[in-house]
C-alpha atoms as a PDB file:
ATOM      1  CA  HIS A   1      -9.648  13.245  -5.265  1.00  0.00           C
ATOM      2  CA  LYS A   2      -7.184  13.859  -7.849  1.00  0.00           C
ATOM      3  CA  TRP A   3      -6.317  17.411  -6.896  1.00  0.00           C
ATOM      4  CA  ARG A   4      -6.262  16.363  -3.197  1.00  0.00           C
ATOM      5  CA  LEU A   5      -3.455  13.809  -3.788  1.00  0.00           C
ATOM      6  CA  ILE A   6      -1.494  16.130  -5.576  1.00  0.00           C
ATOM      7  CA  VAL A   7      -1.816  19.013  -3.038  1.00  0.00           C
ATOM      8  CA  LEU A   8      -1.238  16.448  -0.106  1.00  0.00           C
ATOM      9  CA  GLU A   9       1.847  14.964  -1.581  1.00  0.00           C
ATOM     10  CA  SER A  10       3.352  18.325  -2.819  1.00  0.00           C
ATOM     11  CA  PHE A  11       3.365  19.498   0.690  1.00  0.00           C
ATOM     12  CA  ALA A  12       4.136  16.066   2.410  1.00  0.00           C
ATOM     13  CA  GLY A  13       8.015  16.137   1.356  1.00  0.00           C
ATOM     14  CA  VAL A  14       8.524  19.458   2.909  1.00  0.00           C
ATOM     15  CA  PRO A  15       8.623  18.702   6.742  1.00  0.00           C
ATOM     16  CA  GLY A  16      11.077  15.875   6.373  1.00  0.00           C
ATOM     17  CA  PHE A  17      13.319  18.012   4.120  1.00  0.00           C
ATOM     18  CA  VAL A  18      13.334  21.080   6.558  1.00  0.00           C
ATOM     19  CA  ALA A  19      13.955  18.867   9.596  1.00  0.00           C
ATOM     20  CA  ALA A  20      16.840  17.113   7.726  1.00  0.00           C
ATOM     21  CA  MET A  21      18.431  20.592   6.779  1.00  0.00           C
ATOM     22  CA  PHE A  22      18.127  21.870  10.414  1.00  0.00           C
ATOM     23  CA  ARG A  23      19.604  18.601  11.950  1.00  0.00           C
ATOM     24  CA  HIS A  24      22.492  18.935   9.308  1.00  0.00           C
ATOM     25  CA  PHE A  25      23.305  22.645  10.122  1.00  0.00           C
ATOM     26  CA  ARG A  26      23.067  21.580  13.733  1.00  0.00           C
ATOM     27  CA  SER A  27      25.543  18.812  13.340  1.00  0.00           C
ATOM     28  CA  LEU A  28      27.857  21.035  11.306  1.00  0.00           C
ATOM     29  CA  ARG A  29      27.556  24.103  13.600  1.00  0.00           C
ATOM     30  CA  ASN A  30      28.196  22.024  16.816  1.00  0.00           C
ATOM     31  CA  LEU A  31      30.767  19.796  15.282  1.00  0.00           C
ATOM     32  CA  CYS A  32      28.880  16.683  16.512  1.00  0.00           C
ATOM     33  CA  ARG A  33      26.984  13.656  15.131  1.00  0.00           C
ATOM     34  CA  ASP A  34      23.311  13.636  14.092  1.00  0.00           C
ATOM     35  CA  HIS A  35      22.807  10.079  15.467  1.00  0.00           C
ATOM     36  CA  GLY A  36      21.325   9.021  12.122  1.00  0.00           C
ATOM     37  CA  TRP A  37      18.179  11.001  11.915  1.00  0.00           C
ATOM     38  CA  ILE A  38      19.165  12.940   8.893  1.00  0.00           C
ATOM     39  CA  HIS A  39      18.912   9.872   6.410  1.00  0.00           C
ATOM     40  CA  THR A  40      15.502   8.801   7.776  1.00  0.00           C
ATOM     41  CA  LEU A  41      14.191  12.434   7.489  1.00  0.00           C
ATOM     42  CA  LEU A  42      15.709  12.621   3.792  1.00  0.00           C
ATOM     43  CA  GLU A  43      14.244   9.171   2.964  1.00  0.00           C
ATOM     44  CA  GLU A  44      10.731  10.512   3.950  1.00  0.00           C
ATOM     45  CA  ALA A  45      11.058  13.580   1.807  1.00  0.00           C
ATOM     46  CA  GLU A  46      12.166  11.592  -1.349  1.00  0.00           C
ATOM     47  CA  ASN A  47       9.490   9.057  -0.654  1.00  0.00           C
ATOM     48  CA  GLU A  48       7.055  11.940  -0.515  1.00  0.00           C
ATOM     49  CA  ARG A  49       8.339  13.398  -3.837  1.00  0.00           C
ATOM     50  CA  MET A  50       8.000  10.043  -5.406  1.00  0.00           C
ATOM     51  CA  HIS A  51       4.356   9.904  -4.299  1.00  0.00           C
ATOM     52  CA  LEU A  52       4.018  13.374  -5.997  1.00  0.00           C
ATOM     53  CA  LEU A  53       5.780  12.353  -9.329  1.00  0.00           C
ATOM     54  CA  THR A  54       3.673   9.289  -9.420  1.00  0.00           C
ATOM     55  CA  CYS A  55       0.416  11.370  -8.861  1.00  0.00           C
ATOM     56  CA  MET A  56       1.471  13.720 -11.584  1.00  0.00           C
ATOM     57  CA  LYS A  57       1.765  10.885 -14.144  1.00  0.00           C
ATOM     58  CA  MET A  58      -1.744   9.996 -13.377  1.00  0.00           C
ATOM     59  CA  PHE A  59      -3.434  13.463 -13.182  1.00  0.00           C
ATOM     60  CA  ASP A  60      -2.946  16.912 -14.824  1.00  0.00           C
ATOM     61  CA  ALA A  61      -2.544  19.567 -12.290  1.00  0.00           C
ATOM     62  CA  GLY A  62      -4.448  22.496 -13.434  1.00  0.00           C
ATOM     63  CA  ILE A  63      -3.973  26.102 -12.261  1.00  0.00           C
ATOM     64  CA  ILE A  64      -6.189  25.877  -9.353  1.00  0.00           C
ATOM     65  CA  THR A  65      -4.305  22.929  -8.050  1.00  0.00           C
ATOM     66  CA  ARG A  66      -0.873  24.499  -8.752  1.00  0.00           C
ATOM     67  CA  THR A  67      -2.089  27.518  -6.816  1.00  0.00           C
ATOM     68  CA  LEU A  68      -3.156  25.465  -3.921  1.00  0.00           C
ATOM     69  CA  VAL A  69       0.301  23.704  -4.015  1.00  0.00           C
ATOM     70  CA  ILE A  70       2.266  26.935  -3.859  1.00  0.00           C
ATOM     71  CA  SER A  71      -0.024  28.206  -1.036  1.00  0.00           C
ATOM     72  CA  ALA A  72       0.440  25.274   1.079  1.00  0.00           C
ATOM     73  CA  GLN A  73       4.080  25.307   0.722  1.00  0.00           C
ATOM     74  CA  VAL A  74       4.294  29.221   1.362  1.00  0.00           C
ATOM     75  CA  VAL A  75       2.250  28.913   4.469  1.00  0.00           C
ATOM     76  CA  MET A  76       3.361  25.751   5.877  1.00  0.00           C
ATOM     77  CA  THR A  77       7.209  25.621   5.214  1.00  0.00           C
ATOM     78  CA  PRO A  78       7.810  28.622   7.571  1.00  0.00           C
ATOM     79  CA  PHE A  79       5.406  27.269  10.148  1.00  0.00           C
ATOM     80  CA  VAL A  80       7.168  23.882  10.305  1.00  0.00           C
ATOM     81  CA  ALA A  81      10.443  25.699  10.212  1.00  0.00           C
ATOM     82  CA  ALA A  82       9.603  27.893  13.167  1.00  0.00           C
ATOM     83  CA  LEU A  83       8.031  24.862  15.108  1.00  0.00           C
ATOM     84  CA  LEU A  84      11.337  22.932  14.490  1.00  0.00           C
ATOM     85  CA  ILE A  85      13.237  25.727  15.858  1.00  0.00           C
ATOM     86  CA  VAL A  86      11.154  26.315  19.027  1.00  0.00           C
ATOM     87  CA  LYS A  87       9.955  22.702  19.832  1.00  0.00           C
ATOM     88  CA  PRO A  88      11.283  19.993  17.542  1.00  0.00           C
ATOM     89  CA  GLY A  89       9.233  17.376  19.373  1.00  0.00           C
ATOM     90  CA  ALA A  90       6.111  19.295  18.618  1.00  0.00           C
ATOM     91  CA  ALA A  91       7.039  19.491  15.027  1.00  0.00           C
ATOM     92  CA  HIS A  92       7.381  15.930  14.614  1.00  0.00           C
ATOM     93  CA  ARG A  93       3.970  15.273  16.523  1.00  0.00           C
ATOM     94  CA  PHE A  94       2.473  17.694  14.290  1.00  0.00           C
ATOM     95  CA  VAL A  95       3.792  15.941  11.174  1.00  0.00           C
ATOM     96  CA  GLY A  96       2.740  12.676  12.573  1.00  0.00           C
ATOM     97  CA  TYR A  97      -0.807  13.846  12.800  1.00  0.00           C
ATOM     98  CA  LEU A  98      -0.557  15.275   9.346  1.00  0.00           C
ATOM     99  CA  GLU A  99       0.547  11.689   8.072  1.00  0.00           C
ATOM    100  CA  GLU A 100      -2.359  10.215   9.943  1.00  0.00           C
ATOM    101  CA  THR A 101      -4.577  12.266   7.972  1.00  0.00           C
ATOM    102  CA  ALA A 102      -2.942  11.059   4.764  1.00  0.00           C
ATOM    103  CA  CYS A 103      -3.330   7.504   6.011  1.00  0.00           C
ATOM    104  CA  ILE A 104      -7.126   8.071   6.498  1.00  0.00           C
ATOM    105  CA  THR A 105      -7.375   9.772   2.870  1.00  0.00           C
ATOM    106  CA  TYR A 106      -5.399   6.806   1.383  1.00  0.00           C
ATOM    107  CA  ALA A 107      -7.509   4.145   3.223  1.00  0.00           C
ATOM    108  CA  ASN A 108     -10.751   5.913   2.113  1.00  0.00           C
ATOM    109  CA  VAL A 109      -9.617   6.150  -1.505  1.00  0.00           C
ATOM    110  CA  ILE A 110      -8.659   2.510  -1.569  1.00  0.00           C
ATOM    111  CA  HIS A 111     -11.927   1.633  -0.036  1.00  0.00           C
ATOM    112  CA  GLN A 112     -13.853   3.496  -2.777  1.00  0.00           C
ATOM    113  CA  VAL A 113     -11.950   2.225  -5.535  1.00  0.00           C
ATOM    114  CA  GLU A 114     -12.277  -1.397  -4.433  1.00  0.00           C
ATOM    115  CA  THR A 115     -16.149  -0.957  -3.737  1.00  0.00           C
ATOM    116  CA  PRO A 116     -18.204  -1.642  -6.945  1.00  0.00           C
ATOM    117  CA  GLY A 117     -20.703   1.058  -7.618  1.00  0.00           C
ATOM    118  CA  THR A 118     -18.677   3.883  -6.390  1.00  0.00           C
ATOM    119  CA  PRO A 119     -17.528   6.691  -8.681  1.00  0.00           C
ATOM    120  CA  LEU A 120     -13.846   5.878  -7.820  1.00  0.00           C
ATOM    121  CA  HIS A 121     -14.497   2.251  -8.624  1.00  0.00           C
ATOM    122  CA  GLY A 122     -15.642   3.107 -11.992  1.00  0.00           C
ATOM    123  CA  ALA A 123     -12.908   5.547 -12.701  1.00  0.00           C
ATOM    124  CA  TRP A 124      -9.780   4.068 -11.167  1.00  0.00           C
ATOM    125  CA  SER A 125     -10.393   0.251 -10.592  1.00  0.00           C
ATOM    126  CA  ASP A 126      -8.961  -0.844 -14.246  1.00  0.00           C
ATOM    127  CA  VAL A 127      -6.397   1.894 -14.486  1.00  0.00           C
ATOM    128  CA  ASP A 128      -2.962   0.633 -14.945  1.00  0.00           C
ATOM    129  CA  ALA A 129      -0.239   1.561 -12.634  1.00  0.00           C
ATOM    130  CA  PRO A 130       2.255   4.214 -14.156  1.00  0.00           C
ATOM    131  CA  GLU A 131       5.830   2.971 -15.087  1.00  0.00           C
ATOM    132  CA  ILE A 132       7.363   5.276 -12.383  1.00  0.00           C
ATOM    133  CA  ALA A 133       5.374   3.423  -9.705  1.00  0.00           C
ATOM    134  CA  LYS A 134       6.178  -0.074 -11.002  1.00  0.00           C
ATOM    135  CA  THR A 135       9.855   0.796 -10.865  1.00  0.00           C
ATOM    136  CA  TYR A 136       9.855   2.422  -7.614  1.00  0.00           C
ATOM    137  CA  TRP A 137       7.874  -0.078  -5.714  1.00  0.00           C
ATOM    138  CA  LYS A 138       8.879  -2.956  -7.834  1.00  0.00           C
ATOM    139  CA  LEU A 139       5.432  -3.817  -8.789  1.00  0.00           C
ATOM    140  CA  PRO A 140       4.602  -6.353 -11.293  1.00  0.00           C
ATOM    141  CA  ASP A 141       3.945  -5.501 -14.849  1.00  0.00           C
ATOM    142  CA  ASP A 142       0.109  -5.985 -14.555  1.00  0.00           C
ATOM    143  CA  ALA A 143      -0.052  -3.761 -11.514  1.00  0.00           C
ATOM    144  CA  LYS A 144      -3.072  -1.373 -11.131  1.00  0.00           C
ATOM    145  CA  TRP A 145      -3.297   2.184  -9.762  1.00  0.00           C
ATOM    146  CA  VAL A 146      -5.072   0.779  -6.640  1.00  0.00           C
ATOM    147  CA  ASP A 147      -1.772  -1.142  -6.058  1.00  0.00           C
ATOM    148  CA  VAL A 148       0.167   1.975  -6.195  1.00  0.00           C
ATOM    149  CA  LEU A 149      -2.415   3.576  -3.724  1.00  0.00           C
ATOM    150  CA  LYS A 150      -1.854   0.684  -1.354  1.00  0.00           C
ATOM    151  CA  CYS A 151       1.959   1.287  -1.553  1.00  0.00           C
ATOM    152  CA  MET A 152       1.628   4.968  -0.796  1.00  0.00           C
ATOM    153  CA  PHE A 153      -0.698   4.176   1.976  1.00  0.00           C
ATOM    154  CA  ALA A 154       1.785   1.882   3.633  1.00  0.00           C
ATOM    155  CA  ASP A 155       4.539   4.514   3.206  1.00  0.00           C
ATOM    156  CA  GLU A 156       2.357   7.124   4.829  1.00  0.00           C
ATOM    157  CA  CYS A 157       1.763   4.749   7.724  1.00  0.00           C
ATOM    158  CA  ASN A 158       5.508   4.366   8.143  1.00  0.00           C
ATOM    159  CA  HIS A 159       6.009   8.150   8.212  1.00  0.00           C
ATOM    160  CA  ARG A 160       3.303   8.482  10.754  1.00  0.00           C
ATOM    161  CA  ASP A 161       4.915   6.094  13.033  1.00  0.00           C
ATOM    162  CA  VAL A 162       8.445   7.561  12.464  1.00  0.00           C
ATOM    163  CA  ASN A 163       7.236  11.047  13.286  1.00  0.00           C
ATOM    164  CA  HIS A 164       5.393  10.044  16.236  1.00  0.00           C
ATOM    165  CA  THR A 165       8.357   8.103  17.472  1.00  0.00           C
ATOM    166  CA  PHE A 166      10.717  11.082  16.914  1.00  0.00           C
ATOM    167  CA  ALA A 167       8.342  13.359  18.829  1.00  0.00           C
ATOM    168  CA  THR A 168       8.901  11.267  21.909  1.00  0.00           C
ATOM    169  CA  MET A 169      12.785  11.344  21.586  1.00  0.00           C
ATOM    170  CA  SER A 170      15.467  13.799  22.694  1.00  0.00           C
ATOM    171  CA  SER A 171      17.323  15.283  19.696  1.00  0.00           C
ATOM    172  CA  ASP A 172      20.329  13.511  20.962  1.00  0.00           C
ATOM    173  CA  ASP A 173      18.984  10.055  20.954  1.00  0.00           C
ATOM    174  CA  PRO A 174      20.062   7.446  18.331  1.00  0.00           C
ATOM    175  CA  ASN A 175      17.508   7.078  15.510  1.00  0.00           C
ATOM    176  CA  PRO A 176      15.958   3.692  16.103  1.00  0.00           C
ATOM    177  CA  PHE A 177      15.183   3.292  12.399  1.00  0.00           C
ATOM    178  CA  VAL A 178      18.898   3.185  11.114  1.00  0.00           C
ATOM    179  CA  TYR A 179      19.006  -0.527  10.883  1.00  0.00           C
ATOM    180  CA  LYS A 180      15.829  -0.544   8.789  1.00  0.00           C
ATOM    181  CA  HIS A 181      17.521   1.805   6.226  1.00  0.00           C
ATOM    182  CA  GLN A 182      20.656  -0.496   6.021  1.00  0.00           C
ATOM    183  CA  ALA A 183      18.319  -3.590   5.447  1.00  0.00           C
ATOM    184  CA  ASP A 184      16.452  -1.588   2.721  1.00  0.00           C
ATOM    185  CA  ALA A 185      19.699  -0.482   1.130  1.00  0.00           C
ATOM    186  CA  LEU A 186      21.082  -4.177   0.891  1.00  0.00           C
ATOM    187  CA  LYS A 187      17.736  -5.212  -0.647  1.00  0.00           C
ATOM    188  CA  ALA A 188      17.859  -2.451  -3.128  1.00  0.00           C
ATOM    189  CA  TRP A 189      21.376  -3.114  -4.226  1.00  0.00           C
ATOM    190  CA  ARG A 190      20.570  -6.750  -4.908  1.00  0.00           C
END
């Protein structure tokens, strides 16, 4: 499961970043507003990067894992970029389904960690959360790795919902998640 989480999170930040870049260039090229999408897409990419950094604090990425990471990015980045050019809604739908897969993965891992007698329960149930996770998700000092997994699971569910929502929208529709970002920013600044 260690390598799977690292590979999953190493690619998960790519679609949001590529989509934000495309929308940014479109906005500049057409001299028009983005309607608030860029921030949401960049937030998703940054959040996925924090998932990766957290996993890297927990696990050593060997040469095979690193090769899988590079391969996933080399293959999937141009695919997502091409899909965004041809059919942006389909790209967001595709990412929504990828996020659903991540949700299933995290739900299964959490279930195994919380189920006595499973290998993951024995390996991870008493492991402390890394400091990077405690800081990022504002977890208590006694937080465990499973608490971090639950935070990442919640994030993936949010990304799934955002991408499925974007898939149904016209590229000129206002971002319905802008107010959530404003509320999150106010909370973070306090």
